[in-house]
Amino acid sequence: MATIRPFEPADYDAAFALWEATPGVGLSAADERGPIERYLRRNPGLSFVAMEGDAMVGTILCGHDGRRGLVHHLMTVPGERRKGTGSALLRAGLGALREQGIDKCHLLVVGDNRAGLDFWRAAGAVERSELALLSIMTDAKP
């Protein structure tokens, strides 16, 4: 199985290449180098990568607001699936959040990402049908 280690800013190029090449991973301007480096600085020790030798084969970004955790971009390359790598990344992220007193995490899965939805359901994640996800830009004029 792959080795799990903390996600460092120097890992960005390899991680972005994986995200870009992986169906079901939604990317936006928030996934550019600057925002990801800011995220890692704001949430030190909570995000991880999976490595097979020198090759990155998976990622998880985790952070929190002091109350709830948020998981982004938990993914593995197709050849690592069903080998426990995704679960190992998830255990690392959840464990790091738990050490900081976070007992619940939220996550987003692209609606047509069947493999992702299946993984999360098998891991124990529960869909929250009573909630609606809304987004608002910080420059909105309410």
C-alpha atoms as a PDB file:
ATOM      1  CA  MET A   1       0.000   0.000   0.000  1.00  0.00           C
ATOM      2  CA  ALA A   2       1.046   3.594  -0.537  1.00  0.00           C
ATOM      3  CA  THR A   3       2.808   5.658   2.113  1.00  0.00           C
ATOM      4  CA  ILE A   4       0.700   8.464   3.604  1.00  0.00           C
ATOM      5  CA  ARG A   5       2.451  11.716   4.516  1.00  0.00           C
ATOM      6  CA  PRO A   6       1.468  15.362   5.086  1.00  0.00           C
ATOM      7  CA  PHE A   7       0.588  17.445   2.021  1.00  0.00           C
ATOM      8  CA  GLU A   8       3.262  20.134   1.611  1.00  0.00           C
ATOM      9  CA  PRO A   9       3.108  23.216  -0.647  1.00  0.00           C
ATOM     10  CA  ALA A  10       5.838  21.630  -2.807  1.00  0.00           C
ATOM     11  CA  ASP A  11       3.345  18.841  -3.634  1.00  0.00           C
ATOM     12  CA  TYR A  12       1.007  21.226  -5.445  1.00  0.00           C
ATOM     13  CA  ASP A  13       2.068  20.559  -9.061  1.00  0.00           C
ATOM     14  CA  ALA A  14       1.785  16.781  -8.725  1.00  0.00           C
ATOM     15  CA  ALA A  15      -1.514  17.055  -6.842  1.00  0.00           C
ATOM     16  CA  PHE A  16      -3.051  19.438  -9.367  1.00  0.00           C
ATOM     17  CA  ALA A  17      -2.009  17.148 -12.227  1.00  0.00           C
ATOM     18  CA  LEU A  18      -3.787  14.243 -10.478  1.00  0.00           C
ATOM     19  CA  TRP A  19      -6.937  16.290  -9.823  1.00  0.00           C
ATOM     20  CA  GLU A  20      -7.022  17.497 -13.411  1.00  0.00           C
ATOM     21  CA  ALA A  21      -6.664  13.962 -14.783  1.00  0.00           C
ATOM     22  CA  THR A  22      -9.265  12.380 -12.487  1.00  0.00           C
ATOM     23  CA  PRO A  23     -12.932  12.261 -13.526  1.00  0.00           C
ATOM     24  CA  GLY A  24     -15.237  13.366 -10.729  1.00  0.00           C
ATOM     25  CA  VAL A  25     -12.835  15.953  -9.277  1.00  0.00           C
ATOM     26  CA  GLY A  26     -14.340  19.409  -9.765  1.00  0.00           C
ATOM     27  CA  LEU A  27     -11.756  22.176 -10.112  1.00  0.00           C
ATOM     28  CA  SER A  28     -12.083  25.953  -9.955  1.00  0.00           C
ATOM     29  CA  ALA A  29      -9.941  29.036  -9.367  1.00  0.00           C
ATOM     30  CA  ALA A  30      -9.905  28.028  -5.678  1.00  0.00           C
ATOM     31  CA  ASP A  31      -7.685  25.092  -6.687  1.00  0.00           C
ATOM     32  CA  GLU A  32      -4.914  27.268  -8.095  1.00  0.00           C
ATOM     33  CA  ARG A  33      -1.549  27.331  -6.319  1.00  0.00           C
ATOM     34  CA  GLY A  34      -2.158  30.475  -4.213  1.00  0.00           C
ATOM     35  CA  PRO A  35      -5.462  29.394  -2.665  1.00  0.00           C
ATOM     36  CA  ILE A  36      -4.213  25.841  -2.009  1.00  0.00           C
ATOM     37  CA  GLU A  37      -1.036  27.116  -0.334  1.00  0.00           C
ATOM     38  CA  ARG A  38      -3.177  29.485   1.786  1.00  0.00           C
ATOM     39  CA  TYR A  39      -5.454  26.549   2.700  1.00  0.00           C
ATOM     40  CA  LEU A  40      -2.479  24.425   3.769  1.00  0.00           C
ATOM     41  CA  ARG A  41      -1.063  27.278   5.906  1.00  0.00           C
ATOM     42  CA  ARG A  42      -4.459  27.865   7.529  1.00  0.00           C
ATOM     43  CA  ASN A  43      -4.937  24.133   8.232  1.00  0.00           C
ATOM     44  CA  PRO A  44      -1.438  22.795   9.001  1.00  0.00           C
ATOM     45  CA  GLY A  45      -1.027  19.055   9.354  1.00  0.00           C
ATOM     46  CA  LEU A  46      -4.581  18.222   8.235  1.00  0.00           C
ATOM     47  CA  SER A  47      -4.057  17.371   4.535  1.00  0.00           C
ATOM     48  CA  PHE A  48      -2.196  14.353   3.199  1.00  0.00           C
ATOM     49  CA  VAL A  49      -0.823  12.712   0.063  1.00  0.00           C
ATOM     50  CA  ALA A  50      -0.344   9.039  -0.780  1.00  0.00           C
ATOM     51  CA  MET A  51       2.984   8.133  -2.361  1.00  0.00           C
ATOM     52  CA  GLU A  52       4.210   5.025  -4.180  1.00  0.00           C
ATOM     53  CA  GLY A  53       7.934   5.693  -4.261  1.00  0.00           C
ATOM     54  CA  ASP A  54       8.290   9.120  -5.880  1.00  0.00           C
ATOM     55  CA  ALA A  55       4.847   9.003  -7.526  1.00  0.00           C
ATOM     56  CA  MET A  56       1.859  10.694  -5.926  1.00  0.00           C
ATOM     57  CA  VAL A  57      -1.154   8.385  -6.122  1.00  0.00           C
ATOM     58  CA  GLY A  58      -3.719  10.132  -3.933  1.00  0.00           C
ATOM     59  CA  THR A  59      -4.659  13.235  -1.962  1.00  0.00           C
ATOM     60  CA  ILE A  60      -6.970  14.546   0.726  1.00  0.00           C
ATOM     61  CA  LEU A  61      -7.418  18.180   1.735  1.00  0.00           C
ATOM     62  CA  CYS A  62      -8.896  18.675   5.207  1.00  0.00           C
ATOM     63  CA  GLY A  63      -9.615  21.810   7.167  1.00  0.00           C
ATOM     64  CA  HIS A  64     -12.002  23.154   9.780  1.00  0.00           C
ATOM     65  CA  ASP A  65     -13.612  26.312  11.095  1.00  0.00           C
ATOM     66  CA  GLY A  66     -13.330  25.337  14.759  1.00  0.00           C
ATOM     67  CA  ARG A  67     -16.719  23.584  14.737  1.00  0.00           C
ATOM     68  CA  ARG A  68     -16.910  21.314  11.688  1.00  0.00           C
ATOM     69  CA  GLY A  69     -14.373  19.826   9.349  1.00  0.00           C
ATOM     70  CA  LEU A  70     -14.474  19.964   5.580  1.00  0.00           C
ATOM     71  CA  VAL A  71     -12.934  17.387   3.260  1.00  0.00           C
ATOM     72  CA  HIS A  72     -11.913  18.236  -0.309  1.00  0.00           C
ATOM     73  CA  HIS A  73     -10.273  16.255  -3.100  1.00  0.00           C
ATOM     74  CA  LEU A  74     -10.039  12.840  -1.502  1.00  0.00           C
ATOM     75  CA  MET A  75      -8.961  10.872  -4.551  1.00  0.00           C
ATOM     76  CA  THR A  76      -6.693   8.098  -5.702  1.00  0.00           C
ATOM     77  CA  VAL A  77      -5.450   7.218  -9.147  1.00  0.00           C
ATOM     78  CA  PRO A  78      -7.449   4.368 -10.713  1.00  0.00           C
ATOM     79  CA  GLY A  79      -4.672   1.811 -10.110  1.00  0.00           C
ATOM     80  CA  GLU A  80      -4.801   2.476  -6.346  1.00  0.00           C
ATOM     81  CA  ARG A  81      -8.528   2.012  -5.947  1.00  0.00           C
ATOM     82  CA  ARG A  82      -9.775  -0.880  -3.821  1.00  0.00           C
ATOM     83  CA  LYS A  83      -6.309  -1.232  -2.264  1.00  0.00           C
ATOM     84  CA  GLY A  84      -7.084   0.753   0.884  1.00  0.00           C
ATOM     85  CA  THR A  85      -5.249   3.918  -0.151  1.00  0.00           C
ATOM     86  CA  GLY A  86      -8.349   6.125  -0.133  1.00  0.00           C
ATOM     87  CA  SER A  87      -9.380   4.747   3.241  1.00  0.00           C
ATOM     88  CA  ALA A  88      -5.863   5.330   4.613  1.00  0.00           C
ATOM     89  CA  LEU A  89      -5.963   8.948   3.426  1.00  0.00           C
ATOM     90  CA  LEU A  90      -9.394   9.383   5.000  1.00  0.00           C
ATOM     91  CA  ARG A  91      -8.231   7.872   8.311  1.00  0.00           C
ATOM     92  CA  ALA A  92      -5.244  10.243   8.343  1.00  0.00           C
ATOM     93  CA  GLY A  93      -7.414  13.289   7.661  1.00  0.00           C
ATOM     94  CA  LEU A  94     -10.171  12.374  10.108  1.00  0.00           C
ATOM     95  CA  GLY A  95      -7.625  11.463  12.774  1.00  0.00           C
ATOM     96  CA  ALA A  96      -5.854  14.810  12.427  1.00  0.00           C
ATOM     97  CA  LEU A  97      -9.182  16.639  12.657  1.00  0.00           C
ATOM     98  CA  ARG A  98     -10.222  14.576  15.696  1.00  0.00           C
ATOM     99  CA  GLU A  99      -6.944  15.526  17.422  1.00  0.00           C
ATOM    100  CA  GLN A 100      -8.030  19.165  17.050  1.00  0.00           C
ATOM    101  CA  GLY A 101     -11.423  18.501  18.636  1.00  0.00           C
ATOM    102  CA  ILE A 102     -13.454  18.248  15.427  1.00  0.00           C
ATOM    103  CA  ASP A 103     -16.070  15.486  15.637  1.00  0.00           C
ATOM    104  CA  LYS A 104     -17.937  15.888  12.336  1.00  0.00           C
ATOM    105  CA  CYS A 105     -16.948  16.681   8.750  1.00  0.00           C
ATOM    106  CA  HIS A 106     -18.840  17.785   5.703  1.00  0.00           C
ATOM    107  CA  LEU A 107     -17.845  17.019   2.133  1.00  0.00           C
ATOM    108  CA  LEU A 108     -19.052  17.623  -1.381  1.00  0.00           C
ATOM    109  CA  VAL A 109     -19.233  15.003  -4.109  1.00  0.00           C
ATOM    110  CA  VAL A 110     -20.022  15.832  -7.733  1.00  0.00           C
ATOM    111  CA  GLY A 111     -23.523  14.415  -8.231  1.00  0.00           C
ATOM    112  CA  ASP A 112     -22.641  12.057 -11.091  1.00  0.00           C
ATOM    113  CA  ASN A 113     -19.472  10.720  -9.421  1.00  0.00           C
ATOM    114  CA  ARG A 114     -20.871   7.246  -8.697  1.00  0.00           C
ATOM    115  CA  ALA A 115     -17.538   5.806  -7.546  1.00  0.00           C
ATOM    116  CA  GLY A 116     -17.049   8.709  -5.142  1.00  0.00           C
ATOM    117  CA  LEU A 117     -20.562   8.435  -3.751  1.00  0.00           C
ATOM    118  CA  ASP A 118     -20.156   4.679  -3.304  1.00  0.00           C
ATOM    119  CA  PHE A 119     -16.844   5.176  -1.480  1.00  0.00           C
ATOM    120  CA  TRP A 120     -18.292   7.742   0.912  1.00  0.00           C
ATOM    121  CA  ARG A 121     -21.396   5.692   1.639  1.00  0.00           C
ATOM    122  CA  ALA A 122     -19.248   2.638   2.383  1.00  0.00           C
ATOM    123  CA  ALA A 123     -17.084   4.791   4.680  1.00  0.00           C
ATOM    124  CA  GLY A 124     -20.164   5.755   6.693  1.00  0.00           C
ATOM    125  CA  ALA A 125     -20.949   9.192   5.261  1.00  0.00           C
ATOM    126  CA  VAL A 126     -24.625  10.118   5.302  1.00  0.00           C
ATOM    127  CA  GLU A 127     -26.381  12.221   2.671  1.00  0.00           C
ATOM    128  CA  ARG A 128     -28.235  15.131   4.263  1.00  0.00           C
ATOM    129  CA  SER A 129     -31.450  15.468   2.269  1.00  0.00           C
ATOM    130  CA  GLU A 130     -32.835  18.004   4.757  1.00  0.00           C
ATOM    131  CA  LEU A 131     -30.102  20.507   3.790  1.00  0.00           C
ATOM    132  CA  ALA A 132     -29.595  22.529   0.629  1.00  0.00           C
ATOM    133  CA  LEU A 133     -26.115  23.558  -0.487  1.00  0.00           C
ATOM    134  CA  LEU A 134     -25.961  27.231  -1.396  1.00  0.00           C
ATOM    135  CA  SER A 135     -22.951  29.318  -2.410  1.00  0.00           C
ATOM    136  CA  ILE A 136     -22.450  33.087  -2.450  1.00  0.00           C
ATOM    137  CA  MET A 137     -19.538  35.134  -3.743  1.00  0.00           C
ATOM    138  CA  THR A 138     -17.831  37.378  -1.197  1.00  0.00           C
ATOM    139  CA  ASP A 139     -18.319  40.379  -3.503  1.00  0.00           C
ATOM    140  CA  ALA A 140     -22.105  39.875  -3.622  1.00  0.00           C
ATOM    141  CA  LYS A 141     -24.212  42.948  -2.903  1.00  0.00           C
ATOM    142  CA  PRO A 142     -27.021  41.656  -0.655  1.00  0.00           C
END
